[in-house]
PDB file of N, CA and C in Angstrom:
ATOM      1  N   MET A   1     101.617 116.125  64.083  1.00  0.00           N
ATOM      2  CA  MET A   1     102.661 115.635  65.040  1.00  0.00           C
ATOM      3  C   MET A   1     102.272 114.187  66.316  1.00  0.00           C
ATOM      4  N   SER A   2     102.593 113.383  66.494  1.00  0.00           N
ATOM      5  CA  SER A   2     101.224 112.318  67.102  1.00  0.00           C
ATOM      6  C   SER A   2     103.062 112.486  68.307  1.00  0.00           C
ATOM      7  N   ASP A   3     101.947 112.024  70.227  1.00  0.00           N
ATOM      8  CA  ASP A   3     102.607 111.837  70.964  1.00  0.00           C
ATOM      9  C   ASP A   3     102.344 110.386  71.466  1.00  0.00           C
ATOM     10  N   LYS A   4     102.810 110.004  70.275  1.00  0.00           N
ATOM     11  CA  LYS A   4     102.409 107.931  70.336  1.00  0.00           C
ATOM     12  C   LYS A   4     103.896 108.048  71.058  1.00  0.00           C
ATOM     13  N   LYS A   5     105.018 107.162  72.379  1.00  0.00           N
ATOM     14  CA  LYS A   5     106.013 107.134  72.191  1.00  0.00           C
ATOM     15  C   LYS A   5     106.240 105.754  71.648  1.00  0.00           C
ATOM     16  N   ILE A   6     107.628 105.855  70.579  1.00  0.00           N
ATOM     17  CA  ILE A   6     108.310 105.491  70.128  1.00  0.00           C
ATOM     18  C   ILE A   6     109.014 104.273  71.513  1.00  0.00           C
ATOM     19  N   ALA A   7     108.490 102.944  71.065  1.00  0.00           N
ATOM     20  CA  ALA A   7     108.657 101.876  72.315  1.00  0.00           C
ATOM     21  C   ALA A   7     110.519 101.686  71.875  1.00  0.00           C
ATOM     22  N   MET A   8     111.017 101.893  72.896  1.00  0.00           N
ATOM     23  CA  MET A   8     112.721 101.350  72.054  1.00  0.00           C
ATOM     24  C   MET A   8     113.231  99.565  72.513  1.00  0.00           C
ATOM     25  N   PRO A   9     113.976  98.991  71.635  1.00  0.00           N
ATOM     26  CA  PRO A   9     113.579  97.592  72.264  1.00  0.00           C
ATOM     27  C   PRO A   9     114.599  98.067  73.634  1.00  0.00           C
ATOM     28  N   LEU A  10     114.546  97.189  74.217  1.00  0.00           N
ATOM     29  CA  LEU A  10     115.509  96.775  75.244  1.00  0.00           C
ATOM     30  C   LEU A  10     116.750  95.957  75.213  1.00  0.00           C
ATOM     31  N   PRO A  11     117.843  96.394  75.855  1.00  0.00           N
ATOM     32  CA  PRO A  11     118.775  96.106  75.424  1.00  0.00           C
ATOM     33  C   PRO A  11     118.784  94.355  75.831  1.00  0.00           C
ATOM     34  N   LEU A  12     119.944  93.869  75.229  1.00  0.00           N
ATOM     35  CA  LEU A  12     120.030  92.305  75.902  1.00  0.00           C
ATOM     36  C   LEU A  12     120.335  91.359  77.271  1.00  0.00           C
ATOM     37  N   PRO A  13     120.722  92.770  77.907  1.00  0.00           N
ATOM     38  CA  PRO A  13     121.290  92.578  79.373  1.00  0.00           C
ATOM     39  C   PRO A  13     120.399  92.839  80.329  1.00  0.00           C
ATOM     40  N   VAL A  14     119.339  93.888  79.710  1.00  0.00           N
ATOM     41  CA  VAL A  14     118.626  94.781  80.274  1.00  0.00           C
ATOM     42  C   VAL A  14     117.302  93.058  80.358  1.00  0.00           C
ATOM     43  N   ARG A  15     116.638  92.202  79.031  1.00  0.00           N
ATOM     44  CA  ARG A  15     115.915  91.638  78.698  1.00  0.00           C
ATOM     45  C   ARG A  15     116.250  91.032  79.427  1.00  0.00           C
ATOM     46  N   ARG A  16     117.206  90.046  79.742  1.00  0.00           N
ATOM     47  CA  ARG A  16     117.744  88.725  80.347  1.00  0.00           C
ATOM     48  C   ARG A  16     117.702  89.155  82.246  1.00  0.00           C
ATOM     49  N   ALA A  17     117.896  90.006  81.981  1.00  0.00           N
ATOM     50  CA  ALA A  17     117.716  89.962  83.745  1.00  0.00           C
ATOM     51  C   ALA A  17     116.441  90.602  84.137  1.00  0.00           C
ATOM     52  N   VAL A  18     115.510  90.469  83.740  1.00  0.00           N
ATOM     53  CA  VAL A  18     114.298  90.817  83.848  1.00  0.00           C
ATOM     54  C   VAL A  18     113.768  89.663  83.504  1.00  0.00           C
ATOM     55  N   GLU A  19     114.596  88.831  82.920  1.00  0.00           N
ATOM     56  CA  GLU A  19     113.361  88.112  82.581  1.00  0.00           C
ATOM     57  C   GLU A  19     114.565  86.900  83.373  1.00  0.00           C
ATOM     58  N   LYS A  20     115.404  86.334  84.429  1.00  0.00           N
ATOM     59  CA  LYS A  20     115.924  85.647  85.295  1.00  0.00           C
ATOM     60  C   LYS A  20     114.859  86.627  86.519  1.00  0.00           C
ATOM     61  N   PHE A  21     114.739  87.677  86.835  1.00  0.00           N
ATOM     62  CA  PHE A  21     113.979  87.909  88.002  1.00  0.00           C
ATOM     63  C   PHE A  21     112.670  86.764  87.957  1.00  0.00           C
ATOM     64  N   GLY A  22     112.080  87.354  87.164  1.00  0.00           N
ATOM     65  CA  GLY A  22     110.792  86.115  86.581  1.00  0.00           C
ATOM     66  C   GLY A  22     111.261  84.557  86.797  1.00  0.00           C
ATOM     67  N   ASN A  23     111.386  84.193  86.054  1.00  0.00           N
ATOM     68  CA  ASN A  23     112.357  82.486  86.684  1.00  0.00           C
ATOM     69  C   ASN A  23     112.033  83.252  88.234  1.00  0.00           C
ATOM     70  N   ASP A  24     113.326  84.308  88.317  1.00  0.00           N
ATOM     71  CA  ASP A  24     113.579  83.518  90.106  1.00  0.00           C
ATOM     72  C   ASP A  24     112.177  83.631  90.949  1.00  0.00           C
ATOM     73  N   LEU A  25     111.472  84.653  90.368  1.00  0.00           N
ATOM     74  CA  LEU A  25     110.170  84.756  91.500  1.00  0.00           C
ATOM     75  C   LEU A  25     109.454  83.184  91.749  1.00  0.00           C
ATOM     76  N   SER A  26     109.144  83.173  90.279  1.00  0.00           N
ATOM     77  CA  SER A  26     108.993  81.814  90.215  1.00  0.00           C
ATOM     78  C   SER A  26     108.898  80.502  90.538  1.00  0.00           C
ATOM     79  N   LEU A  27     109.840  80.776  90.128  1.00  0.00           N
ATOM     80  CA  LEU A  27     111.417  79.178  92.121  1.00  0.00           C
ATOM     81  C   LEU A  27     110.990  79.444  93.146  1.00  0.00           C
ATOM     82  N   ALA A  28     111.173  80.949  93.063  1.00  0.00           N
ATOM     83  CA  ALA A  28     110.870  81.541  95.149  1.00  0.00           C
ATOM     84  C   ALA A  28     109.200  80.820  95.603  1.00  0.00           C
ATOM     85  N   ARG A  29     108.380  81.118  94.680  1.00  0.00           N
ATOM     86  CA  ARG A  29     106.599  81.112  94.922  1.00  0.00           C
ATOM     87  C   ARG A  29     106.810  79.457  95.176  1.00  0.00           C
ATOM     88  N   ARG A  30     107.118  79.323  94.089  1.00  0.00           N
ATOM     89  CA  ARG A  30     106.744  77.445  94.325  1.00  0.00           C
ATOM     90  C   ARG A  30     107.648  76.414  95.285  1.00  0.00           C
ATOM     91  N   ARG A  31     109.360  76.711  95.590  1.00  0.00           N
ATOM     92  CA  ARG A  31     109.332  76.766  96.723  1.00  0.00           C
ATOM     93  C   ARG A  31     109.168  77.152  98.634  1.00  0.00           C
ATOM     94  N   ARG A  32     108.201  78.402  98.085  1.00  0.00           N
ATOM     95  CA  ARG A  32     107.302  78.402  99.317  1.00  0.00           C
ATOM     96  C   ARG A  32     105.983  77.700  99.868  1.00  0.00           C
ATOM     97  N   ARG A  33     105.880  76.673  98.486  1.00  0.00           N
ATOM     98  CA  ARG A  33     104.289  76.330  98.108  1.00  0.00           C
ATOM     99  C   ARG A  33     102.969  77.002  98.124  1.00  0.00           C
ATOM    100  N   PHE A  34     103.452  78.501  96.777  1.00  0.00           N
ATOM    101  CA  PHE A  34     102.115  79.705  97.207  1.00  0.00           C
ATOM    102  C   PHE A  34     101.865  78.825  95.944  1.00  0.00           C
ATOM    103  N   SER A  35     100.627  78.841  95.127  1.00  0.00           N
ATOM    104  CA  SER A  35      99.594  78.363  93.943  1.00  0.00           C
ATOM    105  C   SER A  35     100.478  80.006  93.404  1.00  0.00           C
ATOM    106  N   GLN A  36     100.418  79.927  91.873  1.00  0.00           N
ATOM    107  CA  GLN A  36     100.141  80.992  91.776  1.00  0.00           C
ATOM    108  C   GLN A  36      98.796  82.006  92.297  1.00  0.00           C
ATOM    109  N   GLN A  37      97.091  81.062  92.685  1.00  0.00           N
ATOM    110  CA  GLN A  37      96.088  81.653  92.807  1.00  0.00           C
ATOM    111  C   GLN A  37      96.267  82.830  93.926  1.00  0.00           C
ATOM    112  N   SER A  38      96.737  82.012  94.938  1.00  0.00           N
ATOM    113  CA  SER A  38      97.627  82.284  96.047  1.00  0.00           C
ATOM    114  C   SER A  38      98.247  83.752  96.437  1.00  0.00           C
ATOM    115  N   MET A  39      99.198  83.312  95.716  1.00  0.00           N
ATOM    116  CA  MET A  39     100.364  84.311  95.420  1.00  0.00           C
ATOM    117  C   MET A  39      99.477  85.414  94.283  1.00  0.00           C
ATOM    118  N   ALA A  40      98.500  85.580  93.613  1.00  0.00           N
ATOM    119  CA  ALA A  40      98.241  86.767  93.060  1.00  0.00           C
ATOM    120  C   ALA A  40      97.191  87.670  93.432  1.00  0.00           C
ATOM    121  N   GLU A  41      96.845  86.643  94.820  1.00  0.00           N
ATOM    122  CA  GLU A  41      96.069  87.453  95.926  1.00  0.00           C
ATOM    123  C   GLU A  41      96.496  88.180  97.289  1.00  0.00           C
ATOM    124  N   ARG A  42      97.820  87.250  97.605  1.00  0.00           N
ATOM    125  CA  ARG A  42      98.538  88.229  98.746  1.00  0.00           C
ATOM    126  C   ARG A  42      99.164  89.999  97.706  1.00  0.00           C
ATOM    127  N   ILE A  43      99.535  89.163  96.377  1.00  0.00           N
ATOM    128  CA  ILE A  43     100.394  90.961  96.011  1.00  0.00           C
ATOM    129  C   ILE A  43      98.812  91.523  95.377  1.00  0.00           C
ATOM    130  N   GLY A  44      98.152  90.589  95.284  1.00  0.00           N
ATOM    131  CA  GLY A  44      96.527  91.822  94.541  1.00  0.00           C
ATOM    132  C   GLY A  44      96.642  92.247  93.401  1.00  0.00           C
ATOM    133  N   ILE A  45      97.098  90.994  92.489  1.00  0.00           N
ATOM    134  CA  ILE A  45      96.889  90.747  90.605  1.00  0.00           C
ATOM    135  C   ILE A  45      96.025  90.029  90.596  1.00  0.00           C
ATOM    136  N   SER A  46      95.885  89.967  89.376  1.00  0.00           N
ATOM    137  CA  SER A  46      95.645  88.867  88.377  1.00  0.00           C
ATOM    138  C   SER A  46      96.280  87.902  88.540  1.00  0.00           C
ATOM    139  N   VAL A  47      95.581  86.803  88.099  1.00  0.00           N
ATOM    140  CA  VAL A  47      97.097  85.277  88.115  1.00  0.00           C
ATOM    141  C   VAL A  47      97.693  85.576  86.689  1.00  0.00           C
ATOM    142  N   SER A  48      96.888  86.144  85.917  1.00  0.00           N
ATOM    143  CA  SER A  48      97.223  86.542  84.258  1.00  0.00           C
ATOM    144  C   SER A  48      98.573  87.677  84.491  1.00  0.00           C
ATOM    145  N   SER A  49      98.378  88.456  85.382  1.00  0.00           N
ATOM    146  CA  SER A  49      99.181  89.090  85.617  1.00  0.00           C
ATOM    147  C   SER A  49     100.564  88.772  86.279  1.00  0.00           C
ATOM    148  N   LEU A  50     100.359  87.662  87.387  1.00  0.00           N
ATOM    149  CA  LEU A  50     101.498  86.951  87.486  1.00  0.00           C
ATOM    150  C   LEU A  50     102.340  86.143  86.894  1.00  0.00           C
ATOM    151  N   ARG A  51     101.483  86.059  85.692  1.00  0.00           N
ATOM    152  CA  ARG A  51     102.182  85.160  84.835  1.00  0.00           C
ATOM    153  C   ARG A  51     102.805  85.673  83.706  1.00  0.00           C
ATOM    154  N   ARG A  52     102.743  87.106  83.531  1.00  0.00           N
ATOM    155  CA  ARG A  52     103.302  87.769  82.941  1.00  0.00           C
ATOM    156  C   ARG A  52     104.526  88.083  83.847  1.00  0.00           C
ATOM    157  N   LEU A  53     104.495  88.327  84.929  1.00  0.00           N
ATOM    158  CA  LEU A  53     105.753  88.817  85.271  1.00  0.00           C
ATOM    159  C   LEU A  53     106.886  87.632  85.710  1.00  0.00           C
ATOM    160  N   GLU A  54     105.766  86.643  86.343  1.00  0.00           N
ATOM    161  CA  GLU A  54     107.054  85.225  86.342  1.00  0.00           C
ATOM    162  C   GLU A  54     108.042  85.063  85.056  1.00  0.00           C
ATOM    163  N   LYS A  55     106.979  85.278  84.082  1.00  0.00           N
ATOM    164  CA  LYS A  55     107.371  85.903  82.576  1.00  0.00           C
ATOM    165  C   LYS A  55     109.363  86.809  81.973  1.00  0.00           C
ATOM    166  N   GLY A  56     108.889  87.460  83.250  1.00  0.00           N
ATOM    167  CA  GLY A  56     109.872  88.277  82.507  1.00  0.00           C
ATOM    168  C   GLY A  56     109.780  89.890  81.487  1.00  0.00           C
ATOM    169  N   ASP A  57     108.085  90.222  81.993  1.00  0.00           N
ATOM    170  CA  ASP A  57     107.388  90.782  81.158  1.00  0.00           C
ATOM    171  C   ASP A  57     107.643  92.770  81.503  1.00  0.00           C
ATOM    172  N   PRO A  58     108.358  93.291  80.548  1.00  0.00           N
ATOM    173  CA  PRO A  58     109.403  94.400  81.365  1.00  0.00           C
ATOM    174  C   PRO A  58     107.970  95.517  81.306  1.00  0.00           C
ATOM    175  N   GLY A  59     106.803  95.395  81.220  1.00  0.00           N
ATOM    176  CA  GLY A  59     105.457  96.099  81.733  1.00  0.00           C
ATOM    177  C   GLY A  59     105.283  96.177  82.985  1.00  0.00           C
ATOM    178  N   ILE A  60     105.633  95.466  83.626  1.00  0.00           N
ATOM    179  CA  ILE A  60     105.278  95.083  85.158  1.00  0.00           C
ATOM    180  C   ILE A  60     105.076  96.581  85.652  1.00  0.00           C
ATOM    181  N   SER A  61     105.007  96.790  86.762  1.00  0.00           N
ATOM    182  CA  SER A  61     105.093  98.298  87.533  1.00  0.00           C
ATOM    183  C   SER A  61     105.565  97.469  88.353  1.00  0.00           C
ATOM    184  N   TRP A  62     106.517  98.823  89.521  1.00  0.00           N
ATOM    185  CA  TRP A  62     107.572  98.881  90.359  1.00  0.00           C
ATOM    186  C   TRP A  62     106.912  98.709  91.545  1.00  0.00           C
ATOM    187  N   GLY A  63     105.817  98.841  91.768  1.00  0.00           N
ATOM    188  CA  GLY A  63     104.708  98.789  92.997  1.00  0.00           C
ATOM    189  C   GLY A  63     104.663  97.119  92.717  1.00  0.00           C
ATOM    190  N   THR A  64     104.335  96.567  91.830  1.00  0.00           N
ATOM    191  CA  THR A  64     103.947  95.376  92.085  1.00  0.00           C
ATOM    192  C   THR A  64     105.055  94.116  91.824  1.00  0.00           C
ATOM    193  N   ILE A  65     106.560  95.345  91.460  1.00  0.00           N
ATOM    194  CA  ILE A  65     107.586  94.033  91.828  1.00  0.00           C
ATOM    195  C   ILE A  65     107.265  94.052  93.925  1.00  0.00           C
ATOM    196  N   ALA A  66     107.770  95.450  94.187  1.00  0.00           N
ATOM    197  CA  ALA A  66     107.443  95.869  95.329  1.00  0.00           C
ATOM    198  C   ALA A  66     106.827  94.360  95.794  1.00  0.00           C
ATOM    199  N   ARG A  67     105.422  94.349  95.699  1.00  0.00           N
ATOM    200  CA  ARG A  67     104.545  93.324  96.562  1.00  0.00           C
ATOM    201  C   ARG A  67     105.091  92.266  96.479  1.00  0.00           C
ATOM    202  N   ALA A  68     105.275  91.681  95.301  1.00  0.00           N
ATOM    203  CA  ALA A  68     105.668  90.088  95.371  1.00  0.00           C
ATOM    204  C   ALA A  68     107.046  90.370  96.302  1.00  0.00           C
ATOM    205  N   LEU A  69     108.124  91.154  96.536  1.00  0.00           N
ATOM    206  CA  LEU A  69     108.863  90.925  96.955  1.00  0.00           C
ATOM    207  C   LEU A  69     108.932  90.951  98.259  1.00  0.00           C
ATOM    208  N   TYR A  70     107.623  91.485  98.860  1.00  0.00           N
ATOM    209  CA  TYR A  70     107.234  91.995 100.616  1.00  0.00           C
ATOM    210  C   TYR A  70     107.115  90.449 100.667  1.00  0.00           C
ATOM    211  N   VAL A  71     106.030  90.045  99.717  1.00  0.00           N
ATOM    212  CA  VAL A  71     105.146  88.160  99.826  1.00  0.00           C
ATOM    213  C   VAL A  71     105.992  87.155 100.383  1.00  0.00           C
ATOM    214  N   LEU A  72     107.457  87.482  99.509  1.00  0.00           N
ATOM    215  CA  LEU A  72     108.537  86.505  99.678  1.00  0.00           C
ATOM    216  C   LEU A  72     109.250  86.928 100.842  1.00  0.00           C
ATOM    217  N   GLY A  73     108.633  87.930 101.478  1.00  0.00           N
ATOM    218  CA  GLY A  73     110.240  88.110 102.649  1.00  0.00           C
ATOM    219  C   GLY A  73     110.778  89.168 102.293  1.00  0.00           C
ATOM    220  N   GLU A  74     111.313  88.984 100.956  1.00  0.00           N
ATOM    221  CA  GLU A  74     112.266  89.649 100.162  1.00  0.00           C
ATOM    222  C   GLU A  74     112.569  91.093 100.227  1.00  0.00           C
ATOM    223  N   ILE A  75     111.539  91.857 100.863  1.00  0.00           N
ATOM    224  CA  ILE A  75     111.456  92.807 100.638  1.00  0.00           C
ATOM    225  C   ILE A  75     113.144  93.964 100.456  1.00  0.00           C
ATOM    226  N   ASN A  76     113.410  93.722 101.386  1.00  0.00           N
ATOM    227  CA  ASN A  76     114.714  94.545 101.925  1.00  0.00           C
ATOM    228  C   ASN A  76     115.642  93.940 100.014  1.00  0.00           C
ATOM    229  N   LYS A  77     115.997  93.675  99.824  1.00  0.00           N
ATOM    230  CA  LYS A  77     116.552  93.147  98.365  1.00  0.00           C
ATOM    231  C   LYS A  77     116.272  94.283  97.501  1.00  0.00           C
ATOM    232  N   LEU A  78     115.258  95.009  97.558  1.00  0.00           N
ATOM    233  CA  LEU A  78     114.290  96.343  96.622  1.00  0.00           C
ATOM    234  C   LEU A  78     115.037  97.636  97.552  1.00  0.00           C
ATOM    235  N   ASN A  79     115.408  97.590  99.154  1.00  0.00           N
ATOM    236  CA  ASN A  79     115.984  98.303  99.723  1.00  0.00           C
ATOM    237  C   ASN A  79     117.743  98.619  98.928  1.00  0.00           C
ATOM    238  N   ASP A  80     117.591  98.077  99.022  1.00  0.00           N
ATOM    239  CA  ASP A  80     119.550  97.666  99.165  1.00  0.00           C
ATOM    240  C   ASP A  80     120.305  97.646  97.711  1.00  0.00           C
ATOM    241  N   MET A  81     118.947  97.770  96.241  1.00  0.00           N
ATOM    242  CA  MET A  81     119.314  97.283  95.239  1.00  0.00           C
ATOM    243  C   MET A  81     120.865  98.344  94.739  1.00  0.00           C
ATOM    244  N   LEU A  82     120.512  99.942  94.911  1.00  0.00           N
ATOM    245  CA  LEU A  82     121.047 101.134  94.965  1.00  0.00           C
ATOM    246  C   LEU A  82     121.639 102.106  95.851  1.00  0.00           C
ATOM    247  N   ASP A  83     121.801 100.721  96.940  1.00  0.00           N
ATOM    248  CA  ASP A  83     122.096 101.436  98.500  1.00  0.00           C
ATOM    249  C   ASP A  83     123.834 102.436  98.133  1.00  0.00           C
ATOM    250  N   THR A  84     123.315 103.736  98.169  1.00  0.00           N
ATOM    251  CA  THR A  84     124.308 105.275  97.797  1.00  0.00           C
ATOM    252  C   THR A  84     125.971 104.645  98.248  1.00  0.00           C
ATOM    253  N   ALA A  85     125.077 103.854  99.680  1.00  0.00           N
ATOM    254  CA  ALA A  85     126.812 103.442 100.641  1.00  0.00           C
ATOM    255  C   ALA A  85     127.481 102.955  99.846  1.00  0.00           C
ATOM    256  N   ASN A  86     127.680 101.944  98.855  1.00  0.00           N
ATOM    257  CA  ASN A  86     127.394 100.713  97.928  1.00  0.00           C
ATOM    258  C   ASN A  86     128.112 100.930  96.745  1.00  0.00           C
ATOM    259  N   ASP A  87     127.261 102.735  96.411  1.00  0.00           N
ATOM    260  CA  ASP A  87     127.331 102.458  94.516  1.00  0.00           C
ATOM    261  C   ASP A  87     128.853 103.125  94.356  1.00  0.00           C
ATOM    262  N   ASN A  88     130.174 101.854  94.816  1.00  0.00           N
ATOM    263  CA  ASN A  88     131.265 102.116  93.993  1.00  0.00           C
ATOM    264  C   ASN A  88     131.822 102.806  92.550  1.00  0.00           C
ATOM    265  N   ILE A  89     131.109 102.774  91.913  1.00  0.00           N
ATOM    266  CA  ILE A  89     131.312 104.015  90.369  1.00  0.00           C
ATOM    267  C   ILE A  89     130.980 105.304  91.024  1.00  0.00           C
ATOM    268  N   GLY A  90     129.915 105.539  92.121  1.00  0.00           N
ATOM    269  CA  GLY A  90     129.656 107.275  91.584  1.00  0.00           C
ATOM    270  C   GLY A  90     130.469 107.355  93.109  1.00  0.00           C
ATOM    271  N   LEU A  91     131.295 106.760  94.445  1.00  0.00           N
ATOM    272  CA  LEU A  91     131.933 107.001  95.053  1.00  0.00           C
ATOM    273  C   LEU A  91     133.088 107.187  94.226  1.00  0.00           C
ATOM    274  N   ILE A  92     133.115 105.611  93.017  1.00  0.00           N
ATOM    275  CA  ILE A  92     134.876 106.823  92.479  1.00  0.00           C
ATOM    276  C   ILE A  92     134.988 108.130  91.865  1.00  0.00           C
ATOM    277  N   LEU A  93     133.550 107.707  91.346  1.00  0.00           N
ATOM    278  CA  LEU A  93     133.302 109.510  90.288  1.00  0.00           C
ATOM    279  C   LEU A  93     133.085 110.897  91.505  1.00  0.00           C
ATOM    280  N   MET A  94     132.769 110.717  92.067  1.00  0.00           N
ATOM    281  CA  MET A  94     132.979 111.485  93.332  1.00  0.00           C
ATOM    282  C   MET A  94     134.182 111.783  93.998  1.00  0.00           C
ATOM    283  N   ASP A  95     135.228 110.825  94.086  1.00  0.00           N
ATOM    284  CA  ASP A  95     136.202 111.056  94.653  1.00  0.00           C
ATOM    285  C   ASP A  95     137.204 111.845  93.504  1.00  0.00           C
ATOM    286  N   GLU A  96     137.123 111.450  92.374  1.00  0.00           N
ATOM    287  CA  GLU A  96     137.648 112.887  91.251  1.00  0.00           C
ATOM    288  C   GLU A  96     137.300 113.350  91.075  1.00  0.00           C
ATOM    289  N   GLN A  97     136.402 114.219  91.900  1.00  0.00           N
ATOM    290  CA  GLN A  97     136.285 115.690  91.774  1.00  0.00           C
ATOM    291  C   GLN A  97     136.525 115.852  93.470  1.00  0.00           C
ATOM    292  N   LEU A  98     136.998 115.558  93.899  1.00  0.00           N
ATOM    293  CA  LEU A  98     137.324 116.123  95.367  1.00  0.00           C
ATOM    294  C   LEU A  98     138.792 116.819  94.758  1.00  0.00           C
ATOM    295  N   PRO A  99     138.588 117.943  96.163  1.00  0.00           N
ATOM    296  CA  PRO A  99     140.171 119.793  95.158  1.00  0.00           C
ATOM    297  C   PRO A  99     140.858 117.753  95.455  1.00  0.00           C
ATOM    298  N   GLN A 100     142.741 118.702  95.048  1.00  0.00           N
ATOM    299  CA  GLN A 100     143.433 117.935  95.405  1.00  0.00           C
ATOM    300  C   GLN A 100     144.483 118.231  97.061  1.00  0.00           C
ATOM    301  N   ARG A 101     143.717 119.697  96.660  1.00  0.00           N
ATOM    302  CA  ARG A 101     144.816 120.199  98.232  1.00  0.00           C
ATOM    303  C   ARG A 101     143.369 121.244  98.861  1.00  0.00           C
ATOM    304  N   ILE A 102     143.497 121.684  99.998  1.00  0.00           N
ATOM    305  CA  ILE A 102     142.183 122.567 101.073  1.00  0.00           C
ATOM    306  C   ILE A 102     143.375 123.710 100.943  1.00  0.00           C
ATOM    307  N   ARG A 103     142.905 124.875 100.900  1.00  0.00           N
ATOM    308  CA  ARG A 103     143.816 125.773 101.249  1.00  0.00           C
ATOM    309  C   ARG A 103     143.180 127.042 102.243  1.00  0.00           C
ATOM    310  N   LYS A 104     143.601 127.555 103.826  1.00  0.00           N
ATOM    311  CA  LYS A 104     143.505 127.877 104.626  1.00  0.00           C
ATOM    312  C   LYS A 104     142.284 129.046 104.238  1.00  0.00           C
ATOM    313  N   ARG A 105     141.117 129.143 104.553  1.00  0.00           N
ATOM    314  CA  ARG A 105     140.821 130.671 103.809  1.00  0.00           C
ATOM    315  C   ARG A 105     141.129 131.956 104.639  1.00  0.00           C
ATOM    316  N   LYS A 106     141.094 132.825 104.232  1.00  0.00           N
ATOM    317  CA  LYS A 106     142.092 133.549 104.390  1.00  0.00           C
ATOM    318  C   LYS A 106     140.873 134.694 105.919  1.00  0.00           C
ATOM    319  N   PRO A 107     140.496 135.325 106.459  1.00  0.00           N
ATOM    320  CA  PRO A 107     139.932 135.928 107.495  1.00  0.00           C
ATOM    321  C   PRO A 107     139.776 137.327 106.383  1.00  0.00           C
ATOM    322  N   ALA A 108     138.044 137.548 106.239  1.00  0.00           N
ATOM    323  CA  ALA A 108     137.518 138.490 105.810  1.00  0.00           C
ATOM    324  C   ALA A 108     138.120 139.918 106.005  1.00  0.00           C
ATOM    325  N   THR A 109     138.670 141.070 105.761  1.00  0.00           N
ATOM    326  CA  THR A 109     139.368 142.381 105.727  1.00  0.00           C
ATOM    327  C   THR A 109     137.912 143.423 106.202  1.00  0.00           C
ATOM    328  N   GLY A 110     137.878 144.306 106.969  1.00  0.00           N
ATOM    329  CA  GLY A 110     136.717 144.705 107.068  1.00  0.00           C
ATOM    330  C   GLY A 110     135.499 144.531 107.379  1.00  0.00           C
ATOM    331  N   ALA A 111     135.465 143.341 108.672  1.00  0.00           N
ATOM    332  CA  ALA A 111     134.647 143.038 109.088  1.00  0.00           C
ATOM    333  C   ALA A 111     134.149 144.022 110.503  1.00  0.00           C
ATOM    334  N   LEU A 112     133.350 143.926 110.899  1.00  0.00           N
ATOM    335  CA  LEU A 112     133.533 144.723 112.735  1.00  0.00           C
ATOM    336  C   LEU A 112     132.646 143.783 112.935  1.00  0.00           C
TER     337      LEU A 112
END
């Protein structure tokens, strides 16, 4: 048996989201008048890695994405991405598990 991982294709919505992020990152960089060289240096990556990031390469690490957001002054977007207080689906699922009624507990007998 081989230890190779079988690469699963990305679902189309995931691929589109990653590509959109790359395009948006490129636009944000250019609006700030950062060259690719300058942006790559600020993030701590090579220009070729920045190009991959801006093209929506799904193999780019989370750390690199976080540093890019930090350089652009947008790290708060990462903090808010899956904020549990705003996780509507998770909150609905939790609410469905709540008991219908809560009974008063009987005092333990035989306790000293």
